[in-house]
N, C-alpha and C. Protein backbone atom coordinates (compact mmCIF):
# COMPACT_ATOMS: atom_id res chain seq x y z
N ALA A 1 1.08 -1.15 -0.06
CA ALA A 1 -0.02 -0.05 0.04
C ALA A 1 0.88 1.28 0.26
N GLN A 2 2.21 1.33 0.72
CA GLN A 2 3.02 2.42 0.80
C GLN A 2 3.52 2.65 -0.27
N THR A 3 3.75 1.50 -0.80
CA THR A 3 4.91 1.20 -2.48
C THR A 3 3.60 1.91 -3.15
N HIS A 4 3.00 1.75 -3.43
CA HIS A 4 1.57 2.21 -4.02
C HIS A 4 1.32 4.02 -4.09
N ALA A 5 1.28 4.27 -2.79
CA ALA A 5 0.71 5.30 -2.95
C ALA A 5 2.20 6.38 -3.32
N LYS A 6 3.27 5.66 -2.82
CA LYS A 6 4.59 6.69 -3.56
C LYS A 6 4.81 6.48 -4.94
N THR A 7 4.20 5.56 -5.42
CA THR A 7 4.14 5.72 -6.94
C THR A 7 2.95 6.66 -7.43
N GLN A 8 1.50 6.76 -6.91
CA GLN A 8 1.04 7.19 -7.02
C GLN A 8 1.46 9.10 -7.13
N ARG A 9 2.08 9.44 -5.83
CA ARG A 9 2.18 10.44 -5.95
C ARG A 9 3.46 11.17 -7.16
N ASP A 10 4.44 10.23 -7.17
CA ASP A 10 5.22 10.05 -8.20
C ASP A 10 5.02 10.63 -9.32
N LEU A 11 3.65 9.65 -10.25
CA LEU A 11 3.08 10.15 -11.12
C LEU A 11 2.61 11.52 -11.28
N GLU A 12 1.76 11.59 -10.05
CA GLU A 12 1.37 13.10 -9.29
C GLU A 12 2.49 14.02 -10.26
N LYS A 13 3.31 13.77 -9.34
CA LYS A 13 4.05 14.93 -9.41
C LYS A 13 4.98 15.17 -11.72
N ARG A 14 5.10 13.95 -11.70
CA ARG A 14 5.56 13.79 -13.35
C ARG A 14 4.57 14.63 -14.15
N GLU A 15 3.24 14.39 -13.55
CA GLU A 15 2.26 14.90 -14.63
C GLU A 15 1.93 16.69 -14.28
N ARG A 16 2.68 16.93 -12.95
CA ARG A 16 2.06 18.68 -12.61
C ARG A 16 3.67 18.86 -13.85
N GLU A 17 5.04 18.21 -14.32
CA GLU A 17 6.27 18.45 -14.51
C GLU A 17 5.84 18.95 -16.25
N VAL A 18 5.32 17.46 -16.35
CA VAL A 18 4.87 17.15 -17.80
C VAL A 18 3.36 19.31 -18.05
N LEU A 19 2.77 18.80 -17.61
CA LEU A 19 1.68 20.12 -17.78
C LEU A 19 2.20 21.61 -17.37
N ALA A 20 3.45 21.69 -16.84
CA ALA A 20 4.41 22.76 -17.08
C ALA A 20 5.06 23.20 -18.29
N ALA A 21 5.22 21.96 -18.52
CA ALA A 21 5.97 22.48 -20.14
C ALA A 21 4.87 22.07 -21.02
N GLY A 22 3.47 22.21 -21.26
CA GLY A 22 2.95 22.70 -22.01
C GLY A 22 2.05 21.70 -21.94
N THR A 23 0.84 21.96 -22.16
CA THR A 23 -0.26 21.37 -22.40
C THR A 23 -0.47 20.70 -23.80
N CYS A 24 -0.33 21.46 -24.48
CA CYS A 24 -0.50 21.33 -25.89
C CYS A 24 0.28 20.27 -26.66
N VAL A 25 1.51 19.86 -26.02
CA VAL A 25 2.46 19.03 -26.54
C VAL A 25 1.87 17.64 -25.68
N LEU A 26 1.32 17.47 -24.74
CA LEU A 26 1.26 16.61 -23.63
C LEU A 26 -0.08 15.96 -24.14
N THR A 27 -1.12 17.16 -24.41
CA THR A 27 -2.14 16.16 -25.11
C THR A 27 -2.23 15.46 -26.53
N SER A 28 -1.54 16.34 -27.42
CA SER A 28 -0.88 14.97 -28.65
C SER A 28 -0.21 14.28 -28.10
N PHE A 29 0.24 14.12 -27.46
CA PHE A 29 1.65 12.89 -26.94
C PHE A 29 0.57 12.06 -26.56
N ASN A 30 -0.33 12.13 -25.38
CA ASN A 30 -0.98 11.51 -25.20
C ASN A 30 -2.38 10.72 -26.05
N ASN A 31 -2.72 11.75 -27.05
CA ASN A 31 -3.33 11.36 -28.25
C ASN A 31 -3.45 9.85 -29.21
N GLN A 32 -1.54 9.94 -29.13
CA GLN A 32 -0.85 8.70 -29.75
C GLN A 32 -1.04 7.28 -29.10
N ASN A 33 -1.86 7.46 -27.41
CA ASN A 33 -1.48 6.39 -27.11
C ASN A 33 -0.50 5.69 -26.59
N PRO A 34 0.88 6.70 -26.10
CA PRO A 34 2.00 5.98 -25.74
C PRO A 34 2.03 4.93 -24.98
N PRO A 35 2.97 3.87 -25.14
CA PRO A 35 3.31 2.49 -24.49
C PRO A 35 3.62 3.25 -22.92
N ARG A 36 3.74 2.56 -22.38
CA ARG A 36 4.37 2.71 -20.49
C ARG A 36 5.23 1.62 -20.35
N PHE A 37 6.06 2.20 -19.42
CA PHE A 37 7.08 0.52 -19.33
C PHE A 37 7.36 1.15 -17.90
N ARG A 38 7.16 -0.78 -17.39
CA ARG A 38 7.92 -0.86 -16.17
C ARG A 38 9.11 -1.30 -16.00
N GLY A 39 9.89 -1.38 -16.80
CA GLY A 39 11.02 -2.55 -16.94
C GLY A 39 11.22 -3.95 -17.25
N ASP A 40 10.44 -4.53 -17.13
CA ASP A 40 9.87 -5.75 -17.81
C ASP A 40 10.58 -6.17 -19.22
N GLY A 41 10.99 -7.19 -19.22
CA GLY A 41 11.30 -7.54 -20.48
C GLY A 41 12.74 -7.31 -20.75
N GLY A 42 13.34 -6.90 -20.20
CA GLY A 42 14.91 -7.10 -20.33
C GLY A 42 15.41 -5.39 -21.80
N PRO A 43 16.55 -5.67 -21.99
CA PRO A 43 17.29 -4.24 -23.14
C PRO A 43 16.04 -4.47 -24.52
N ALA A 44 15.91 -5.87 -24.98
CA ALA A 44 15.09 -5.87 -26.20
C ALA A 44 14.05 -5.05 -26.01
N ALA A 45 13.17 -5.62 -24.84
CA ALA A 45 11.49 -4.54 -24.79
C ALA A 45 11.63 -3.11 -24.15
N ALA A 46 13.22 -2.57 -23.61
CA ALA A 46 13.50 -1.33 -23.39
C ALA A 46 13.20 -0.55 -24.77
N ASP A 47 14.18 -1.18 -25.94
CA ASP A 47 14.08 -0.92 -27.44
C ASP A 47 13.34 -0.67 -28.02
N LEU A 48 12.66 -2.10 -27.96
CA LEU A 48 11.05 -1.61 -28.19
C LEU A 48 10.32 -0.14 -28.22
N TRP A 49 10.44 -0.13 -26.22
CA TRP A 49 9.24 0.87 -26.13
C TRP A 49 10.16 2.29 -26.55
N LEU A 50 11.33 2.37 -26.58
CA LEU A 50 11.86 3.45 -27.20
C LEU A 50 11.56 3.92 -27.90
N GLN A 51 11.64 3.13 -29.13
CA GLN A 51 11.18 3.05 -30.56
C GLN A 51 10.10 4.10 -30.83
N ALA A 52 9.15 3.87 -30.27
CA ALA A 52 7.99 3.68 -29.82
C ALA A 52 7.26 4.90 -29.68
N ILE A 53 8.36 5.17 -28.43
CA ILE A 53 8.19 6.58 -28.14
C ILE A 53 8.71 7.84 -28.99
N GLU A 54 9.78 7.09 -29.83
CA GLU A 54 10.52 8.34 -30.31
C GLU A 54 9.72 8.59 -31.39
N LYS A 55 9.37 7.46 -32.25
CA LYS A 55 8.30 7.70 -33.19
C LYS A 55 7.20 8.69 -32.83
N ILE A 56 6.30 8.07 -31.68
CA ILE A 56 5.51 9.05 -31.30
C ILE A 56 5.69 10.97 -31.40
N LEU A 57 7.07 11.30 -30.07
CA LEU A 57 7.89 12.26 -30.25
C LEU A 57 7.80 13.27 -31.76
N GLY A 58 8.72 12.12 -32.61
CA GLY A 58 8.42 12.93 -34.05
C GLY A 58 7.56 13.02 -34.53
N VAL A 59 6.21 11.95 -34.69
CA VAL A 59 5.32 12.73 -35.31
C VAL A 59 4.52 14.52 -34.68
N ILE A 60 4.42 14.15 -33.21
CA ILE A 60 3.80 15.39 -32.95
C ILE A 60 4.80 16.64 -32.76
N HIS A 61 6.37 16.36 -33.40
CA HIS A 61 7.14 17.60 -33.59
C HIS A 61 7.32 18.17 -32.56
N CYS A 62 7.64 17.24 -31.52
CA CYS A 62 8.25 17.41 -30.22
C CYS A 62 9.18 18.23 -29.86
N PRO A 63 9.21 19.48 -29.05
CA PRO A 63 10.62 20.03 -28.99
C PRO A 63 11.51 19.19 -27.77
N GLU A 64 12.62 19.55 -28.44
CA GLU A 64 13.62 18.69 -28.13
C GLU A 64 13.85 18.57 -26.20
N ASP A 65 13.63 19.85 -25.98
CA ASP A 65 13.89 19.96 -24.50
C ASP A 65 12.29 19.20 -23.92
N GLU A 66 11.86 18.69 -24.20
CA GLU A 66 10.52 17.99 -23.55
C GLU A 66 9.93 16.77 -23.60
N MET A 67 11.03 16.41 -24.36
CA MET A 67 11.07 15.02 -25.28
C MET A 67 11.19 13.77 -24.03
N VAL A 68 12.72 14.21 -23.23
CA VAL A 68 13.17 13.46 -21.96
C VAL A 68 11.82 13.62 -21.18
N THR A 69 10.82 14.66 -20.66
CA THR A 69 10.15 14.57 -19.76
C THR A 69 8.97 13.80 -20.22
N LEU A 70 8.52 14.04 -21.35
CA LEU A 70 7.14 13.26 -21.87
C LEU A 70 7.77 11.50 -22.14
N ALA A 71 8.62 11.24 -22.34
CA ALA A 71 9.32 9.92 -22.05
C ALA A 71 9.50 9.36 -20.90
N THR A 72 9.98 9.92 -19.73
CA THR A 72 10.44 9.18 -18.62
C THR A 72 8.26 9.56 -17.82
N TYR A 73 7.93 10.37 -17.95
CA TYR A 73 5.99 10.30 -17.74
C TYR A 73 5.65 8.98 -17.64
N GLN A 74 6.26 8.37 -18.83
CA GLN A 74 5.74 7.12 -19.21
C GLN A 74 6.31 5.72 -18.48
N LEU A 75 7.48 5.94 -17.34
CA LEU A 75 8.26 4.88 -17.04
C LEU A 75 7.12 4.83 -16.03
N LEU A 76 6.93 3.66 -15.16
CA LEU A 76 6.39 3.26 -14.03
C LEU A 76 7.50 2.23 -13.40
N GLY A 77 7.27 1.77 -12.21
CA GLY A 77 7.11 0.59 -11.40
C GLY A 77 8.69 1.16 -11.58
N ASP A 78 10.03 0.08 -11.13
CA ASP A 78 11.39 0.28 -11.23
C ASP A 78 11.60 1.21 -12.18
N ALA A 79 11.45 0.97 -13.35
CA ALA A 79 11.86 1.86 -14.44
C ALA A 79 12.13 3.39 -14.07
N GLU A 80 11.11 3.66 -13.29
CA GLU A 80 10.97 5.20 -12.83
C GLU A 80 12.61 5.31 -12.38
N TYR A 81 13.12 4.61 -12.06
CA TYR A 81 14.23 4.74 -10.73
C TYR A 81 15.58 4.53 -11.41
N TRP A 82 15.57 4.10 -12.70
CA TRP A 82 16.65 3.55 -13.55
C TRP A 82 17.84 4.81 -13.88
C-alpha cells in the first residue's frame, strides 16, 4: 500500500511537470496512446518501447527540450528509478 501511494505521488508529480512543459504537447502525446514501460522484458523490450516513444515524439513535432520529460512520464515501477 505504501509503495502504491508513493508511485501515485510520483506519477502526480511527473504529471504536474509535464503540464508545466506545455499542455498542447502533452495532449498531442497522450492522443497517440504512448506505451508505458515498467522495466519488464529486458533490453529488447526497452529498445522497442523507446522506438515507439521516439516515433510518437517525431510525429507530434515535440521540441527536443521536452522529449525526456514526456518519455520519462511513461516509466512506471522500477523503471522510474533507473
